Amino acid sequence: MKRILFVCTSNICRSFLAEYIFKDMLEKADEEGKLNKKDFRISSAGLFAIEDDEAGSPAVKVLEDIYDIEGSERHRAQLLDAELLEDNDLIIAMSDDHQQAIEAAFPEAVSKTHTLNERAYGDRGLDGNLDIEDPYRGDEDDYEECAADIKKALERAFDKITE
């Protein structure tokens, strides 16, 4: 089983969106017979998450209204720790700062930690940007744009992530 962990700051916006969008992509690939979703375990965490904090309602709304992904309102944030890092095969950070913080605190995770934009677009990311912008405290359009950026990057990186 391949274990994939998405990481951001608080685990209520970006990594949460990435987790649920990627799970939906796996579900669809499974239905099409391209892979078995049971071969994957997908989760998310935050560097500074407040344990059991709820996902941001604008993020939940985007998943439900635009991507027709249900059940995300049950998400509860979890704090990134050494056990979570050790228990996952691939760590996908939402920004270069997240990746650097993970690697500084957990040097043993360097080889399996990447930014989403790095996986999707190569070492320089998208137009030299390795970060998925944080929509926190933004308006609905900011959350929609963030989710669209995450989905596009996940689509581009899908084969690299699932291999």
C-alpha atoms as a PDB file:
ATOM      1  CA  MET A   1       0.000   0.000   0.000  1.00  0.00           C
ATOM      2  CA  LYS A   2       1.306   3.450  -0.918  1.00  0.00           C
ATOM      3  CA  ARG A   3       0.730   6.010   1.830  1.00  0.00           C
ATOM      4  CA  ILE A   4       0.547   9.675   0.806  1.00  0.00           C
ATOM      5  CA  LEU A   5       0.387  12.645   3.171  1.00  0.00           C
ATOM      6  CA  PHE A   6      -0.478  16.191   2.102  1.00  0.00           C
ATOM      7  CA  VAL A   7       0.866  18.940   4.386  1.00  0.00           C
ATOM      8  CA  CYS A   8       0.150  22.641   4.861  1.00  0.00           C
ATOM      9  CA  THR A   9       0.046  25.024   7.814  1.00  0.00           C
ATOM     10  CA  SER A  10      -3.185  24.243   9.669  1.00  0.00           C
ATOM     11  CA  ASN A  11      -4.692  21.313   7.741  1.00  0.00           C
ATOM     12  CA  ILE A  12      -7.991  23.145   7.242  1.00  0.00           C
ATOM     13  CA  CYS A  13      -7.546  24.553   3.713  1.00  0.00           C
ATOM     14  CA  ARG A  14      -4.858  23.491   1.231  1.00  0.00           C
ATOM     15  CA  SER A  15      -3.772  20.048   2.442  1.00  0.00           C
ATOM     16  CA  PHE A  16      -7.391  19.279   3.269  1.00  0.00           C
ATOM     17  CA  LEU A  17      -8.459  20.261  -0.277  1.00  0.00           C
ATOM     18  CA  ALA A  18      -5.619  18.218  -1.784  1.00  0.00           C
ATOM     19  CA  GLU A  19      -6.528  15.159   0.284  1.00  0.00           C
ATOM     20  CA  TYR A  20     -10.184  15.144  -0.743  1.00  0.00           C
ATOM     21  CA  ILE A  21      -9.607  16.072  -4.385  1.00  0.00           C
ATOM     22  CA  PHE A  22      -6.964  13.357  -4.697  1.00  0.00           C
ATOM     23  CA  LYS A  23      -9.212  10.766  -3.038  1.00  0.00           C
ATOM     24  CA  ASP A  24     -11.920  11.680  -5.566  1.00  0.00           C
ATOM     25  CA  MET A  25      -9.427  11.273  -8.412  1.00  0.00           C
ATOM     26  CA  LEU A  26      -8.436   7.844  -7.079  1.00  0.00           C
ATOM     27  CA  GLU A  27     -12.099   6.857  -6.823  1.00  0.00           C
ATOM     28  CA  LYS A  28     -12.674   7.786 -10.476  1.00  0.00           C
ATOM     29  CA  ALA A  29      -9.505   6.023 -11.630  1.00  0.00           C
ATOM     30  CA  ASP A  30     -10.637   2.931  -9.728  1.00  0.00           C
ATOM     31  CA  GLU A  31     -14.078   3.050 -11.365  1.00  0.00           C
ATOM     32  CA  GLU A  32     -12.361   3.253 -14.769  1.00  0.00           C
ATOM     33  CA  GLY A  33     -10.237   0.218 -13.917  1.00  0.00           C
ATOM     34  CA  LYS A  34      -6.959   2.162 -14.081  1.00  0.00           C
ATOM     35  CA  LEU A  35      -5.891   1.331 -10.527  1.00  0.00           C
ATOM     36  CA  ASN A  36      -7.200  -0.023  -7.259  1.00  0.00           C
ATOM     37  CA  LYS A  37      -7.942   2.741  -4.757  1.00  0.00           C
ATOM     38  CA  LYS A  38      -7.404   0.210  -1.957  1.00  0.00           C
ATOM     39  CA  ASP A  39      -3.701   0.277  -2.843  1.00  0.00           C
ATOM     40  CA  PHE A  40      -3.496   3.815  -1.437  1.00  0.00           C
ATOM     41  CA  ARG A  41      -3.981   5.531   1.882  1.00  0.00           C
ATOM     42  CA  ILE A  42      -4.383   9.295   1.599  1.00  0.00           C
ATOM     43  CA  SER A  43      -4.281  11.694   4.532  1.00  0.00           C
ATOM     44  CA  SER A  44      -3.301  15.239   5.428  1.00  0.00           C
ATOM     45  CA  ALA A  45      -1.764  17.159   8.315  1.00  0.00           C
ATOM     46  CA  GLY A  46      -0.598  20.613   9.299  1.00  0.00           C
ATOM     47  CA  LEU A  47       2.695  21.899  10.652  1.00  0.00           C
ATOM     48  CA  PHE A  48       0.805  24.047  13.163  1.00  0.00           C
ATOM     49  CA  ALA A  49      -2.583  22.325  13.140  1.00  0.00           C
ATOM     50  CA  ILE A  50      -4.887  22.478  16.103  1.00  0.00           C
ATOM     51  CA  GLU A  51      -5.867  18.840  16.658  1.00  0.00           C
ATOM     52  CA  ASP A  52      -9.457  18.117  15.624  1.00  0.00           C
ATOM     53  CA  ASP A  53     -10.024  21.624  14.216  1.00  0.00           C
ATOM     54  CA  GLU A  54     -12.733  21.613  11.543  1.00  0.00           C
ATOM     55  CA  ALA A  55     -12.027  22.318   7.907  1.00  0.00           C
ATOM     56  CA  GLY A  56     -12.739  25.861   6.809  1.00  0.00           C
ATOM     57  CA  SER A  57     -16.355  26.170   5.683  1.00  0.00           C
ATOM     58  CA  PRO A  58     -15.381  27.948   2.430  1.00  0.00           C
ATOM     59  CA  ALA A  59     -13.146  24.978   1.542  1.00  0.00           C
ATOM     60  CA  VAL A  60     -15.912  22.490   2.335  1.00  0.00           C
ATOM     61  CA  LYS A  61     -18.341  24.565   0.233  1.00  0.00           C
ATOM     62  CA  VAL A  62     -15.962  24.530  -2.763  1.00  0.00           C
ATOM     63  CA  LEU A  63     -15.581  20.744  -2.540  1.00  0.00           C
ATOM     64  CA  GLU A  64     -19.330  20.225  -2.349  1.00  0.00           C
ATOM     65  CA  ASP A  65     -20.563  22.868  -4.794  1.00  0.00           C
ATOM     66  CA  ILE A  66     -17.881  22.782  -7.480  1.00  0.00           C
ATOM     67  CA  TYR A  67     -16.368  19.300  -7.243  1.00  0.00           C
ATOM     68  CA  ASP A  68     -19.400  17.412  -5.898  1.00  0.00           C
ATOM     69  CA  ILE A  69     -17.264  15.855  -3.154  1.00  0.00           C
ATOM     70  CA  GLU A  70     -19.324  14.986  -0.102  1.00  0.00           C
ATOM     71  CA  GLY A  71     -18.241  14.056   3.401  1.00  0.00           C
ATOM     72  CA  SER A  72     -15.441  16.540   3.734  1.00  0.00           C
ATOM     73  CA  GLU A  73     -17.268  18.351   6.544  1.00  0.00           C
ATOM     74  CA  ARG A  74     -16.245  15.453   8.807  1.00  0.00           C
ATOM     75  CA  HIS A  75     -12.543  16.272   8.332  1.00  0.00           C
ATOM     76  CA  ARG A  76     -10.597  17.020  11.496  1.00  0.00           C
ATOM     77  CA  ALA A  77      -7.143  18.573  11.439  1.00  0.00           C
ATOM     78  CA  GLN A  78      -4.143  16.637  12.648  1.00  0.00           C
ATOM     79  CA  LEU A  79      -0.743  17.902  13.679  1.00  0.00           C
ATOM     80  CA  LEU A  80       2.261  16.689  11.730  1.00  0.00           C
ATOM     81  CA  ASP A  81       4.649  14.664  13.862  1.00  0.00           C
ATOM     82  CA  ALA A  82       7.502  12.195  13.430  1.00  0.00           C
ATOM     83  CA  GLU A  83       5.169   9.196  13.573  1.00  0.00           C
ATOM     84  CA  LEU A  84       3.021  10.524  10.709  1.00  0.00           C
ATOM     85  CA  LEU A  85       6.089  11.247   8.613  1.00  0.00           C
ATOM     86  CA  GLU A  86       7.525   7.815   9.252  1.00  0.00           C
ATOM     87  CA  ASP A  87       4.182   6.167   8.491  1.00  0.00           C
ATOM     88  CA  ASN A  88       3.918   7.694   4.986  1.00  0.00           C
ATOM     89  CA  ASP A  89       5.809   6.950   1.782  1.00  0.00           C
ATOM     90  CA  LEU A  90       5.342  10.318   0.099  1.00  0.00           C
ATOM     91  CA  ILE A  91       4.955  13.726   1.732  1.00  0.00           C
ATOM     92  CA  ILE A  92       3.499  16.451  -0.489  1.00  0.00           C
ATOM     93  CA  ALA A  93       3.852  19.970   0.896  1.00  0.00           C
ATOM     94  CA  MET A  94       1.715  22.852  -0.296  1.00  0.00           C
ATOM     95  CA  SER A  95       4.610  25.358  -0.272  1.00  0.00           C
ATOM     96  CA  ASP A  96       8.376  25.546  -0.375  1.00  0.00           C
ATOM     97  CA  ASP A  97       8.326  26.907   3.206  1.00  0.00           C
ATOM     98  CA  HIS A  98       6.379  23.837   4.342  1.00  0.00           C
ATOM     99  CA  GLN A  99       8.866  21.535   2.641  1.00  0.00           C
ATOM    100  CA  GLN A 100      11.823  23.340   4.188  1.00  0.00           C
ATOM    101  CA  ALA A 101      10.240  23.245   7.656  1.00  0.00           C
ATOM    102  CA  ILE A 102       9.560  19.507   7.359  1.00  0.00           C
ATOM    103  CA  GLU A 103      13.098  18.801   6.178  1.00  0.00           C
ATOM    104  CA  ALA A 104      14.654  20.961   8.925  1.00  0.00           C
ATOM    105  CA  ALA A 105      12.654  19.294  11.698  1.00  0.00           C
ATOM    106  CA  PHE A 106      12.756  15.783  10.228  1.00  0.00           C
ATOM    107  CA  PRO A 107      15.921  15.281   8.128  1.00  0.00           C
ATOM    108  CA  GLU A 108      15.024  11.622   7.637  1.00  0.00           C
ATOM    109  CA  ALA A 109      12.045  12.750   5.504  1.00  0.00           C
ATOM    110  CA  VAL A 110      14.070  14.737   2.938  1.00  0.00           C
ATOM    111  CA  SER A 111      14.042  12.029   0.255  1.00  0.00           C
ATOM    112  CA  LYS A 112      10.270  11.592   0.337  1.00  0.00           C
ATOM    113  CA  THR A 113       9.177  15.231   0.735  1.00  0.00           C
ATOM    114  CA  HIS A 114       8.241  17.393  -2.262  1.00  0.00           C
ATOM    115  CA  THR A 115       5.995  20.321  -3.020  1.00  0.00           C
ATOM    116  CA  LEU A 116       2.876  19.650  -5.064  1.00  0.00           C
ATOM    117  CA  ASN A 117       3.988  22.093  -7.743  1.00  0.00           C
ATOM    118  CA  GLU A 118       7.392  20.390  -7.923  1.00  0.00           C
ATOM    119  CA  ARG A 119       5.729  17.012  -8.523  1.00  0.00           C
ATOM    120  CA  ALA A 120       3.422  18.542 -11.117  1.00  0.00           C
ATOM    121  CA  TYR A 121       5.684  20.963 -12.958  1.00  0.00           C
ATOM    122  CA  GLY A 122       9.289  19.986 -12.164  1.00  0.00           C
ATOM    123  CA  ASP A 123      12.007  21.426  -9.951  1.00  0.00           C
ATOM    124  CA  ARG A 124      11.092  25.062 -10.629  1.00  0.00           C
ATOM    125  CA  GLY A 125       7.372  24.565 -10.071  1.00  0.00           C
ATOM    126  CA  LEU A 126       4.819  26.529 -12.049  1.00  0.00           C
ATOM    127  CA  ASP A 127       6.549  29.545 -13.626  1.00  0.00           C
ATOM    128  CA  GLY A 128       9.196  29.395 -10.903  1.00  0.00           C
ATOM    129  CA  ASN A 129       6.630  29.133  -8.098  1.00  0.00           C
ATOM    130  CA  LEU A 130       6.607  26.083  -5.841  1.00  0.00           C
ATOM    131  CA  ASP A 131       3.722  27.333  -3.686  1.00  0.00           C
ATOM    132  CA  ILE A 132      -0.011  26.778  -3.720  1.00  0.00           C
ATOM    133  CA  GLU A 133      -1.338  30.101  -2.426  1.00  0.00           C
ATOM    134  CA  ASP A 134      -3.145  30.021   0.906  1.00  0.00           C
ATOM    135  CA  PRO A 135      -6.806  31.105   0.640  1.00  0.00           C
ATOM    136  CA  TYR A 136      -7.242  31.367   4.419  1.00  0.00           C
ATOM    137  CA  ARG A 137      -9.300  34.448   5.327  1.00  0.00           C
ATOM    138  CA  GLY A 138      -9.866  35.116   1.656  1.00  0.00           C
ATOM    139  CA  ASP A 139     -13.176  35.241  -0.161  1.00  0.00           C
ATOM    140  CA  GLU A 140     -14.971  32.448  -2.003  1.00  0.00           C
ATOM    141  CA  ASP A 141     -13.082  33.206  -5.219  1.00  0.00           C
ATOM    142  CA  ASP A 142      -9.767  32.690  -3.404  1.00  0.00           C
ATOM    143  CA  TYR A 143     -10.869  29.221  -2.252  1.00  0.00           C
ATOM    144  CA  GLU A 144     -12.137  28.333  -5.715  1.00  0.00           C
ATOM    145  CA  GLU A 145      -8.846  29.446  -7.272  1.00  0.00           C
ATOM    146  CA  CYS A 146      -6.829  27.510  -4.696  1.00  0.00           C
ATOM    147  CA  ALA A 147      -8.858  24.340  -5.286  1.00  0.00           C
ATOM    148  CA  ALA A 148      -8.501  24.742  -9.057  1.00  0.00           C
ATOM    149  CA  ASP A 149      -4.716  25.160  -8.719  1.00  0.00           C
ATOM    150  CA  ILE A 150      -4.527  22.059  -6.529  1.00  0.00           C
ATOM    151  CA  LYS A 151      -6.696  19.996  -8.897  1.00  0.00           C
ATOM    152  CA  LYS A 152      -4.676  21.042 -11.947  1.00  0.00           C
ATOM    153  CA  ALA A 153      -1.402  20.173 -10.198  1.00  0.00           C
ATOM    154  CA  LEU A 154      -2.780  16.848  -8.954  1.00  0.00           C
ATOM    155  CA  GLU A 155      -3.949  15.961 -12.453  1.00  0.00           C
ATOM    156  CA  ARG A 156      -0.497  16.712 -13.865  1.00  0.00           C
ATOM    157  CA  ALA A 157       1.244  14.792 -11.064  1.00  0.00           C
ATOM    158  CA  PHE A 158      -1.231  11.909 -10.755  1.00  0.00           C
ATOM    159  CA  ASP A 159       0.959   9.305 -12.437  1.00  0.00           C
ATOM    160  CA  LYS A 160       4.067  10.398 -10.502  1.00  0.00           C
ATOM    161  CA  ILE A 161       2.173  10.261  -7.228  1.00  0.00           C
ATOM    162  CA  THR A 162       0.551   6.877  -7.855  1.00  0.00           C
ATOM    163  CA  GLU A 163       3.584   5.080  -9.301  1.00  0.00           C
END
